[in-house]
Amino acid sequence: MKLEPIDHPFTPPLSLQNHLKKYPLEYGSNGREDWQWKADTLGWRILENAQAQEIGFVWLTSTAENPRHKDLLLAVYDPYKNHGYGNSALNFIESQVQDLSVEKIRCQVNSNRVETGLIVRKWLNRRGFKVYNRDPNPRWISLSDDEYLCKCYNPVYFFKDYSKNN
């Protein structure tokens, strides 16, 4: 697997638009076709080594609160899921954190569907991402983070702090 930087301005290709439309809950796209990249968005195509086939995308966008905090979106197309490509892409992003002056990465997983969102929630948790901004509903208050990310059907927000590394 290799990651190829994306030049600006970037228009998401049809393959990515179709992927995001297929999983509107997971990506929060709600079927929109108006994805806009901010000027400071950093993005990479995920390519399979064998034929340099495009198998997904990963990008980081600055948050409104702090330009050193980035929102992460990672999309691996269905035929390539569960083969380690997402893990390799996140390894790459985390290896670039210091060079990119990133203090915090945050992301959101909207679905707790067993076959999609729950897998991603558990994966992020294993990768050291912490749950934050929990739903204040009393049914969730007493749950541990592990229980919350499994049971909560609302979006779950994660972050990982890299400021100690910079």
N, C-alpha and C. Protein backbone atom coordinates (compact mmCIF):
# COMPACT_ATOMS: atom_id res chain seq x y z
N MET A 1 0.84 -1.17 0.00
CA MET A 1 0.00 0.00 0.00
C MET A 1 0.88 1.23 0.00
N LYS A 2 0.45 2.26 -0.72
CA LYS A 2 1.14 3.55 -0.65
C LYS A 2 0.10 4.65 -0.65
N LEU A 3 0.50 5.80 -0.14
CA LEU A 3 -0.37 6.96 -0.13
C LEU A 3 0.21 8.01 -1.07
N GLU A 4 -0.65 8.55 -1.91
CA GLU A 4 -0.26 9.56 -2.89
C GLU A 4 -0.94 10.87 -2.53
N PRO A 5 -0.15 11.94 -2.32
CA PRO A 5 -0.77 13.23 -1.96
C PRO A 5 -1.73 13.70 -3.04
N ILE A 6 -2.77 14.39 -2.61
CA ILE A 6 -3.78 14.94 -3.52
C ILE A 6 -3.51 16.42 -3.70
N ASP A 7 -3.50 16.85 -4.95
CA ASP A 7 -3.31 18.27 -5.25
C ASP A 7 -4.60 19.03 -5.03
N HIS A 8 -4.46 20.34 -4.78
CA HIS A 8 -5.62 21.23 -4.65
C HIS A 8 -5.86 21.94 -5.96
N PRO A 9 -7.00 22.33 -6.35
CA PRO A 9 -8.25 21.97 -5.66
C PRO A 9 -8.61 20.52 -5.97
N PHE A 10 -9.22 19.87 -5.02
CA PHE A 10 -9.58 18.46 -5.16
C PHE A 10 -11.08 18.32 -5.31
N THR A 11 -11.48 17.65 -6.35
CA THR A 11 -12.89 17.29 -6.52
C THR A 11 -12.98 15.80 -6.29
N PRO A 12 -13.74 15.36 -5.30
CA PRO A 12 -13.81 13.93 -5.03
C PRO A 12 -14.26 13.16 -6.27
N PRO A 13 -13.51 12.12 -6.65
CA PRO A 13 -13.91 11.34 -7.81
C PRO A 13 -15.21 10.60 -7.56
N LEU A 14 -15.82 10.15 -8.62
CA LEU A 14 -17.09 9.45 -8.53
C LEU A 14 -17.00 8.24 -7.60
N SER A 15 -15.87 7.55 -7.61
CA SER A 15 -15.71 6.37 -6.75
C SER A 15 -15.86 6.75 -5.28
N LEU A 16 -15.28 7.87 -4.87
CA LEU A 16 -15.39 8.32 -3.48
C LEU A 16 -16.79 8.84 -3.20
N GLN A 17 -17.36 9.60 -4.12
CA GLN A 17 -18.72 10.10 -3.92
C GLN A 17 -19.70 8.95 -3.74
N ASN A 18 -19.57 7.92 -4.57
CA ASN A 18 -20.46 6.76 -4.46
C ASN A 18 -20.26 6.03 -3.14
N HIS A 19 -19.01 5.92 -2.70
CA HIS A 19 -18.73 5.26 -1.43
C HIS A 19 -19.38 6.03 -0.27
N LEU A 20 -19.22 7.35 -0.27
CA LEU A 20 -19.78 8.15 0.82
C LEU A 20 -21.31 8.11 0.80
N LYS A 21 -21.89 8.07 -0.38
CA LYS A 21 -23.36 7.98 -0.49
C LYS A 21 -23.86 6.63 0.02
N LYS A 22 -23.06 5.59 -0.18
CA LYS A 22 -23.47 4.24 0.23
C LYS A 22 -23.55 4.13 1.75
N TYR A 23 -22.73 4.92 2.45
CA TYR A 23 -22.67 4.87 3.91
C TYR A 23 -22.95 6.25 4.51
N PRO A 24 -24.13 6.81 4.26
CA PRO A 24 -24.38 8.18 4.73
C PRO A 24 -24.33 8.31 6.24
N LEU A 25 -24.74 7.27 6.95
CA LEU A 25 -24.67 7.34 8.42
C LEU A 25 -23.24 7.30 8.90
N GLU A 26 -22.43 6.47 8.28
CA GLU A 26 -21.04 6.32 8.73
C GLU A 26 -20.24 7.60 8.49
N TYR A 27 -20.47 8.25 7.36
CA TYR A 27 -19.67 9.42 7.02
C TYR A 27 -20.38 10.74 7.26
N GLY A 28 -21.66 10.68 7.61
CA GLY A 28 -22.39 11.92 7.84
C GLY A 28 -22.63 12.71 6.58
N SER A 29 -22.52 12.05 5.43
CA SER A 29 -22.65 12.77 4.16
C SER A 29 -24.10 12.98 3.75
N ASN A 30 -25.00 12.17 4.30
CA ASN A 30 -26.43 12.28 3.97
C ASN A 30 -26.68 12.34 2.47
N GLY A 31 -25.83 11.68 1.69
CA GLY A 31 -26.01 11.63 0.25
C GLY A 31 -25.62 12.91 -0.47
N ARG A 32 -25.03 13.88 0.25
CA ARG A 32 -24.63 15.14 -0.39
C ARG A 32 -23.59 14.90 -1.47
N GLU A 33 -23.59 15.77 -2.44
CA GLU A 33 -22.57 15.71 -3.49
C GLU A 33 -21.73 16.98 -3.49
N ASP A 34 -21.79 17.77 -2.43
CA ASP A 34 -21.13 19.07 -2.42
C ASP A 34 -19.94 19.10 -1.46
N TRP A 35 -19.12 18.05 -1.48
CA TRP A 35 -17.98 18.04 -0.56
C TRP A 35 -17.04 19.16 -0.92
N GLN A 36 -16.70 19.95 0.06
CA GLN A 36 -15.80 21.08 -0.16
C GLN A 36 -14.55 20.88 0.68
N TRP A 37 -13.43 21.08 0.06
CA TRP A 37 -12.18 21.02 0.78
C TRP A 37 -11.80 22.41 1.23
N LYS A 38 -11.40 22.53 2.49
CA LYS A 38 -10.88 23.80 2.97
C LYS A 38 -9.48 23.99 2.37
N ALA A 39 -9.02 25.22 2.39
CA ALA A 39 -7.71 25.53 1.80
C ALA A 39 -6.58 24.75 2.45
N ASP A 40 -6.73 24.44 3.75
CA ASP A 40 -5.63 23.75 4.45
C ASP A 40 -5.84 22.23 4.54
N THR A 41 -6.78 21.69 3.81
CA THR A 41 -7.02 20.25 3.85
C THR A 41 -5.84 19.51 3.23
N LEU A 42 -5.40 18.48 3.92
CA LEU A 42 -4.35 17.60 3.41
C LEU A 42 -4.99 16.27 3.09
N GLY A 43 -4.76 15.76 1.90
CA GLY A 43 -5.41 14.51 1.51
C GLY A 43 -4.46 13.60 0.75
N TRP A 44 -4.77 12.31 0.84
CA TRP A 44 -3.99 11.29 0.16
C TRP A 44 -4.91 10.24 -0.43
N ARG A 45 -4.59 9.77 -1.61
CA ARG A 45 -5.24 8.60 -2.19
C ARG A 45 -4.55 7.38 -1.60
N ILE A 46 -5.33 6.38 -1.22
CA ILE A 46 -4.76 5.12 -0.76
C ILE A 46 -4.70 4.22 -1.99
N LEU A 47 -3.49 3.76 -2.31
CA LEU A 47 -3.28 2.93 -3.49
C LEU A 47 -2.77 1.55 -3.09
N GLU A 48 -3.28 0.54 -3.76
CA GLU A 48 -2.77 -0.81 -3.57
C GLU A 48 -1.47 -0.91 -4.34
N ASN A 49 -0.46 -1.54 -3.78
CA ASN A 49 0.85 -1.60 -4.42
C ASN A 49 0.83 -2.31 -5.77
N ALA A 50 0.13 -3.42 -5.86
CA ALA A 50 0.20 -4.27 -7.05
C ALA A 50 -0.03 -3.49 -8.34
N GLN A 51 -1.20 -2.90 -8.51
CA GLN A 51 -1.51 -2.17 -9.73
C GLN A 51 -1.68 -0.67 -9.48
N ALA A 52 -1.30 -0.19 -8.33
CA ALA A 52 -1.51 1.21 -7.94
C ALA A 52 -2.98 1.58 -8.10
N GLN A 53 -3.85 0.63 -7.78
CA GLN A 53 -5.30 0.83 -7.86
C GLN A 53 -5.76 1.69 -6.68
N GLU A 54 -6.61 2.67 -6.96
CA GLU A 54 -7.17 3.51 -5.91
C GLU A 54 -8.13 2.67 -5.08
N ILE A 55 -7.86 2.59 -3.77
CA ILE A 55 -8.71 1.77 -2.90
C ILE A 55 -9.34 2.58 -1.77
N GLY A 56 -9.07 3.88 -1.73
CA GLY A 56 -9.66 4.73 -0.71
C GLY A 56 -8.96 6.07 -0.61
N PHE A 57 -9.36 6.82 0.41
CA PHE A 57 -8.82 8.15 0.64
C PHE A 57 -8.69 8.40 2.13
N VAL A 58 -7.78 9.28 2.49
CA VAL A 58 -7.67 9.76 3.86
C VAL A 58 -7.38 11.25 3.77
N TRP A 59 -8.03 12.04 4.64
CA TRP A 59 -7.72 13.46 4.65
C TRP A 59 -7.88 14.03 6.04
N LEU A 60 -7.15 15.13 6.24
CA LEU A 60 -7.14 15.89 7.49
C LEU A 60 -7.54 17.33 7.19
N THR A 61 -8.46 17.85 7.97
CA THR A 61 -8.92 19.23 7.82
C THR A 61 -8.83 19.91 9.17
N SER A 62 -8.35 21.14 9.20
CA SER A 62 -8.27 21.88 10.46
C SER A 62 -9.65 22.11 11.04
N THR A 63 -9.72 22.07 12.35
CA THR A 63 -10.98 22.36 13.03
C THR A 63 -11.13 23.87 13.14
N ALA A 64 -12.35 24.30 13.38
CA ALA A 64 -12.61 25.74 13.53
C ALA A 64 -11.94 26.30 14.78
N GLU A 65 -11.80 25.45 15.80
CA GLU A 65 -11.27 25.93 17.09
C GLU A 65 -9.77 26.14 17.08
N ASN A 66 -9.01 25.30 16.33
CA ASN A 66 -7.56 25.35 16.41
C ASN A 66 -6.97 24.74 15.15
N PRO A 67 -6.15 25.48 14.42
CA PRO A 67 -5.58 24.94 13.18
C PRO A 67 -4.63 23.76 13.40
N ARG A 68 -4.17 23.57 14.64
CA ARG A 68 -3.29 22.43 14.94
C ARG A 68 -4.08 21.18 15.36
N HIS A 69 -5.39 21.31 15.40
CA HIS A 69 -6.28 20.18 15.63
C HIS A 69 -6.90 19.81 14.30
N LYS A 70 -6.90 18.53 13.96
CA LYS A 70 -7.37 18.10 12.64
C LYS A 70 -8.51 17.09 12.78
N ASP A 71 -9.47 17.22 11.87
CA ASP A 71 -10.51 16.21 11.73
C ASP A 71 -10.03 15.22 10.69
N LEU A 72 -10.21 13.95 10.98
CA LEU A 72 -9.75 12.87 10.12
C LEU A 72 -10.94 12.21 9.44
N LEU A 73 -10.83 11.97 8.15
CA LEU A 73 -11.79 11.14 7.45
C LEU A 73 -11.00 10.10 6.68
N LEU A 74 -11.37 8.85 6.87
CA LEU A 74 -10.68 7.73 6.25
C LEU A 74 -11.73 6.85 5.60
N ALA A 75 -11.59 6.63 4.30
CA ALA A 75 -12.55 5.81 3.56
C ALA A 75 -11.79 4.75 2.78
N VAL A 76 -12.06 3.48 3.07
CA VAL A 76 -11.50 2.35 2.32
C VAL A 76 -12.67 1.66 1.63
N TYR A 77 -12.56 1.49 0.31
CA TYR A 77 -13.65 0.90 -0.46
C TYR A 77 -13.92 -0.55 -0.03
N ASP A 78 -15.18 -0.94 -0.17
CA ASP A 78 -15.64 -2.24 0.33
C ASP A 78 -14.75 -3.44 -0.01
N PRO A 79 -14.34 -3.65 -1.25
CA PRO A 79 -13.56 -4.87 -1.53
C PRO A 79 -12.23 -4.93 -0.77
N TYR A 80 -11.78 -3.80 -0.24
CA TYR A 80 -10.48 -3.74 0.42
C TYR A 80 -10.57 -3.62 1.94
N LYS A 81 -11.80 -3.58 2.46
CA LYS A 81 -11.98 -3.49 3.92
C LYS A 81 -11.43 -4.74 4.60
N ASN A 82 -11.00 -4.54 5.84
CA ASN A 82 -10.52 -5.64 6.69
C ASN A 82 -9.29 -6.34 6.14
N HIS A 83 -8.47 -5.60 5.39
CA HIS A 83 -7.21 -6.14 4.88
C HIS A 83 -6.01 -5.33 5.37
N GLY A 84 -6.24 -4.44 6.33
CA GLY A 84 -5.15 -3.67 6.91
C GLY A 84 -4.83 -2.35 6.24
N TYR A 85 -5.57 -1.99 5.19
CA TYR A 85 -5.28 -0.74 4.48
C TYR A 85 -5.59 0.48 5.34
N GLY A 86 -6.69 0.46 6.07
CA GLY A 86 -7.03 1.56 6.96
C GLY A 86 -5.99 1.72 8.05
N ASN A 87 -5.54 0.59 8.59
CA ASN A 87 -4.52 0.59 9.63
C ASN A 87 -3.22 1.20 9.09
N SER A 88 -2.83 0.79 7.90
CA SER A 88 -1.60 1.33 7.29
C SER A 88 -1.74 2.82 7.01
N ALA A 89 -2.92 3.24 6.54
CA ALA A 89 -3.14 4.67 6.28
C ALA A 89 -3.06 5.47 7.57
N LEU A 90 -3.67 4.97 8.64
CA LEU A 90 -3.60 5.69 9.92
C LEU A 90 -2.18 5.68 10.47
N ASN A 91 -1.44 4.59 10.29
CA ASN A 91 -0.03 4.57 10.68
C ASN A 91 0.74 5.69 9.97
N PHE A 92 0.47 5.85 8.67
CA PHE A 92 1.14 6.88 7.89
C PHE A 92 0.79 8.27 8.45
N ILE A 93 -0.49 8.52 8.68
CA ILE A 93 -0.92 9.82 9.20
C ILE A 93 -0.24 10.08 10.54
N GLU A 94 -0.25 9.08 11.41
CA GLU A 94 0.36 9.28 12.73
C GLU A 94 1.87 9.49 12.62
N SER A 95 2.51 8.93 11.60
CA SER A 95 3.96 9.15 11.42
C SER A 95 4.25 10.58 10.94
N GLN A 96 3.24 11.26 10.38
CA GLN A 96 3.40 12.61 9.85
C GLN A 96 3.01 13.70 10.85
N VAL A 97 2.47 13.32 11.98
CA VAL A 97 1.91 14.27 12.94
C VAL A 97 2.91 15.37 13.32
N GLN A 98 4.13 14.98 13.64
CA GLN A 98 5.10 15.97 14.08
C GLN A 98 5.46 16.91 12.94
N ASP A 99 5.70 16.37 11.74
CA ASP A 99 6.05 17.22 10.59
C ASP A 99 4.91 18.17 10.22
N LEU A 100 3.67 17.73 10.46
CA LEU A 100 2.51 18.56 10.12
C LEU A 100 2.08 19.48 11.25
N SER A 101 2.80 19.44 12.38
CA SER A 101 2.49 20.25 13.56
C SER A 101 1.07 20.02 14.06
N VAL A 102 0.65 18.76 14.06
CA VAL A 102 -0.68 18.40 14.53
C VAL A 102 -0.61 18.07 16.01
N GLU A 103 -1.49 18.68 16.80
CA GLU A 103 -1.55 18.41 18.23
C GLU A 103 -2.63 17.39 18.58
N LYS A 104 -3.70 17.39 17.80
CA LYS A 104 -4.82 16.51 18.13
C LYS A 104 -5.52 16.10 16.85
N ILE A 105 -5.89 14.83 16.76
CA ILE A 105 -6.72 14.35 15.66
C ILE A 105 -8.03 13.89 16.28
N ARG A 106 -9.11 14.29 15.65
CA ARG A 106 -10.41 13.84 16.13
C ARG A 106 -11.20 13.29 14.95
N CYS A 107 -12.14 12.45 15.26
CA CYS A 107 -12.99 11.86 14.23
C CYS A 107 -14.32 11.48 14.85
N GLN A 108 -15.23 11.16 13.98
CA GLN A 108 -16.60 10.87 14.38
C GLN A 108 -17.03 9.60 13.67
N VAL A 109 -17.66 8.69 14.42
CA VAL A 109 -18.23 7.48 13.82
C VAL A 109 -19.71 7.50 14.15
N ASN A 110 -20.52 7.65 13.12
CA ASN A 110 -21.95 7.87 13.32
C ASN A 110 -22.73 6.61 13.63
N SER A 111 -22.32 5.49 13.12
CA SER A 111 -23.13 4.28 13.23
C SER A 111 -22.50 3.29 14.21
N ASN A 112 -23.36 2.53 14.90
CA ASN A 112 -22.85 1.42 15.70
C ASN A 112 -23.26 0.09 15.09
N ARG A 113 -23.58 0.10 13.79
CA ARG A 113 -23.91 -1.14 13.10
C ARG A 113 -22.73 -2.10 13.23
N VAL A 114 -23.03 -3.33 13.55
CA VAL A 114 -21.99 -4.32 13.81
C VAL A 114 -21.04 -4.45 12.63
N GLU A 115 -21.56 -4.45 11.41
CA GLU A 115 -20.72 -4.71 10.23
C GLU A 115 -19.94 -3.48 9.74
N THR A 116 -20.23 -2.31 10.27
CA THR A 116 -19.53 -1.11 9.81
C THR A 116 -19.03 -0.28 10.98
N GLY A 117 -19.86 0.58 11.50
CA GLY A 117 -19.43 1.56 12.51
C GLY A 117 -18.85 0.96 13.77
N LEU A 118 -19.43 -0.12 14.24
CA LEU A 118 -18.93 -0.71 15.49
C LEU A 118 -17.50 -1.22 15.32
N ILE A 119 -17.22 -1.79 14.16
CA ILE A 119 -15.85 -2.26 13.89
C ILE A 119 -14.89 -1.07 13.96
N VAL A 120 -15.28 0.04 13.35
CA VAL A 120 -14.41 1.24 13.33
C VAL A 120 -14.27 1.82 14.72
N ARG A 121 -15.36 1.88 15.47
CA ARG A 121 -15.29 2.42 16.85
C ARG A 121 -14.30 1.60 17.69
N LYS A 122 -14.43 0.30 17.63
CA LYS A 122 -13.52 -0.56 18.42
C LYS A 122 -12.08 -0.43 17.95
N TRP A 123 -11.89 -0.30 16.65
CA TRP A 123 -10.55 -0.15 16.08
C TRP A 123 -9.91 1.15 16.57
N LEU A 124 -10.65 2.26 16.50
CA LEU A 124 -10.11 3.53 16.98
C LEU A 124 -9.77 3.45 18.46
N ASN A 125 -10.61 2.82 19.23
CA ASN A 125 -10.37 2.65 20.66
C ASN A 125 -9.07 1.87 20.90
N ARG A 126 -8.88 0.79 20.15
CA ARG A 126 -7.64 0.01 20.28
C ARG A 126 -6.42 0.82 19.87
N ARG A 127 -6.61 1.76 18.94
CA ARG A 127 -5.51 2.58 18.44
C ARG A 127 -5.20 3.76 19.37
N GLY A 128 -5.89 3.84 20.51
CA GLY A 128 -5.59 4.88 21.48
C GLY A 128 -6.43 6.13 21.38
N PHE A 129 -7.44 6.13 20.51
CA PHE A 129 -8.35 7.26 20.44
C PHE A 129 -9.31 7.18 21.61
N LYS A 130 -9.59 8.32 22.20
CA LYS A 130 -10.47 8.40 23.38
C LYS A 130 -11.82 8.98 22.99
N VAL A 131 -12.85 8.51 23.66
CA VAL A 131 -14.20 9.03 23.46
C VAL A 131 -14.29 10.39 24.15
N TYR A 132 -14.92 11.36 23.49
CA TYR A 132 -15.18 12.65 24.12
C TYR A 132 -16.54 13.16 23.66
N ASN A 133 -17.01 14.20 24.33
CA ASN A 133 -18.27 14.84 23.99
C ASN A 133 -19.42 13.82 23.96
N ARG A 134 -19.48 13.02 25.02
CA ARG A 134 -20.50 11.97 25.09
C ARG A 134 -21.92 12.54 25.14
N ASP A 135 -22.83 11.79 24.60
CA ASP A 135 -24.25 12.14 24.64
C ASP A 135 -24.67 12.23 26.11
N PRO A 136 -25.29 13.33 26.56
CA PRO A 136 -25.64 13.50 27.97
C PRO A 136 -26.88 12.73 28.41
N ASN A 137 -27.49 11.99 27.54
CA ASN A 137 -28.68 11.22 27.89
C ASN A 137 -28.37 10.32 29.09
N PRO A 138 -29.24 10.30 30.10
CA PRO A 138 -29.00 9.50 31.32
C PRO A 138 -28.72 8.01 31.05
N ARG A 139 -29.26 7.48 29.96
CA ARG A 139 -29.02 6.05 29.69
C ARG A 139 -27.56 5.75 29.40
N TRP A 140 -26.78 6.77 29.00
CA TRP A 140 -25.38 6.54 28.63
C TRP A 140 -24.41 6.92 29.74
N ILE A 141 -24.85 7.70 30.71
CA ILE A 141 -23.96 8.28 31.72
C ILE A 141 -23.15 7.24 32.48
N SER A 142 -23.78 6.17 32.91
CA SER A 142 -23.09 5.19 33.76
C SER A 142 -22.24 4.21 32.97
N LEU A 143 -22.28 4.24 31.66
CA LEU A 143 -21.52 3.28 30.86
C LEU A 143 -20.05 3.66 30.78
N SER A 144 -19.19 2.65 30.77
CA SER A 144 -17.77 2.89 30.49
C SER A 144 -17.65 3.31 29.02
N ASP A 145 -16.50 3.83 28.64
CA ASP A 145 -16.31 4.19 27.24
C ASP A 145 -16.46 2.98 26.32
N ASP A 146 -15.95 1.83 26.75
CA ASP A 146 -16.08 0.60 25.95
C ASP A 146 -17.54 0.24 25.72
N GLU A 147 -18.33 0.31 26.78
CA GLU A 147 -19.76 0.01 26.66
C GLU A 147 -20.47 1.07 25.82
N TYR A 148 -20.11 2.33 26.04
CA TYR A 148 -20.75 3.44 25.34
C TYR A 148 -20.55 3.33 23.83
N LEU A 149 -19.33 3.07 23.40
CA LEU A 149 -19.10 3.03 21.96
C LEU A 149 -19.79 1.85 21.30
N CYS A 150 -20.08 0.80 22.07
CA CYS A 150 -20.81 -0.36 21.52
C CYS A 150 -22.32 -0.13 21.51
N LYS A 151 -22.84 0.50 22.54
CA LYS A 151 -24.29 0.60 22.70
C LYS A 151 -24.91 1.88 22.15
N CYS A 152 -24.15 2.95 22.14
CA CYS A 152 -24.72 4.24 21.73
C CYS A 152 -24.99 4.24 20.23
N TYR A 153 -26.22 4.49 19.86
CA TYR A 153 -26.59 4.52 18.45
C TYR A 153 -26.44 5.91 17.85
N ASN A 154 -26.10 6.89 18.66
CA ASN A 154 -25.83 8.25 18.19
C ASN A 154 -24.36 8.34 17.76
N PRO A 155 -23.98 9.41 17.06
CA PRO A 155 -22.57 9.57 16.70
C PRO A 155 -21.68 9.54 17.94
N VAL A 156 -20.52 8.90 17.81
CA VAL A 156 -19.53 8.86 18.87
C VAL A 156 -18.30 9.61 18.35
N TYR A 157 -17.77 10.49 19.19
CA TYR A 157 -16.66 11.34 18.83
C TYR A 157 -15.40 10.84 19.52
N PHE A 158 -14.30 10.83 18.77
CA PHE A 158 -13.02 10.35 19.27
C PHE A 158 -11.96 11.41 19.06
N PHE A 159 -10.93 11.38 19.90
CA PHE A 159 -9.77 12.23 19.67
C PHE A 159 -8.53 11.48 20.17
N LYS A 160 -7.40 11.91 19.64
CA LYS A 160 -6.11 11.42 20.11
C LYS A 160 -5.19 12.63 20.19
N ASP A 161 -4.55 12.77 21.34
CA ASP A 161 -3.70 13.92 21.63
C ASP A 161 -2.25 13.58 21.28
N TYR A 162 -1.64 14.39 20.43
CA TYR A 162 -0.25 14.20 20.02
C TYR A 162 0.63 15.33 20.53
N SER A 163 0.08 16.24 21.34
CA SER A 163 0.83 17.45 21.73
C SER A 163 2.08 17.10 22.53
N LYS A 164 2.08 15.98 23.21
CA LYS A 164 3.27 15.60 23.98
C LYS A 164 4.41 15.19 23.05
N ASN A 165 4.07 14.82 21.81
CA ASN A 165 5.08 14.38 20.85
C ASN A 165 5.74 15.54 20.12
N ASN A 166 5.07 16.70 20.10
CA ASN A 166 5.59 17.84 19.31
C ASN A 166 6.50 18.72 20.12
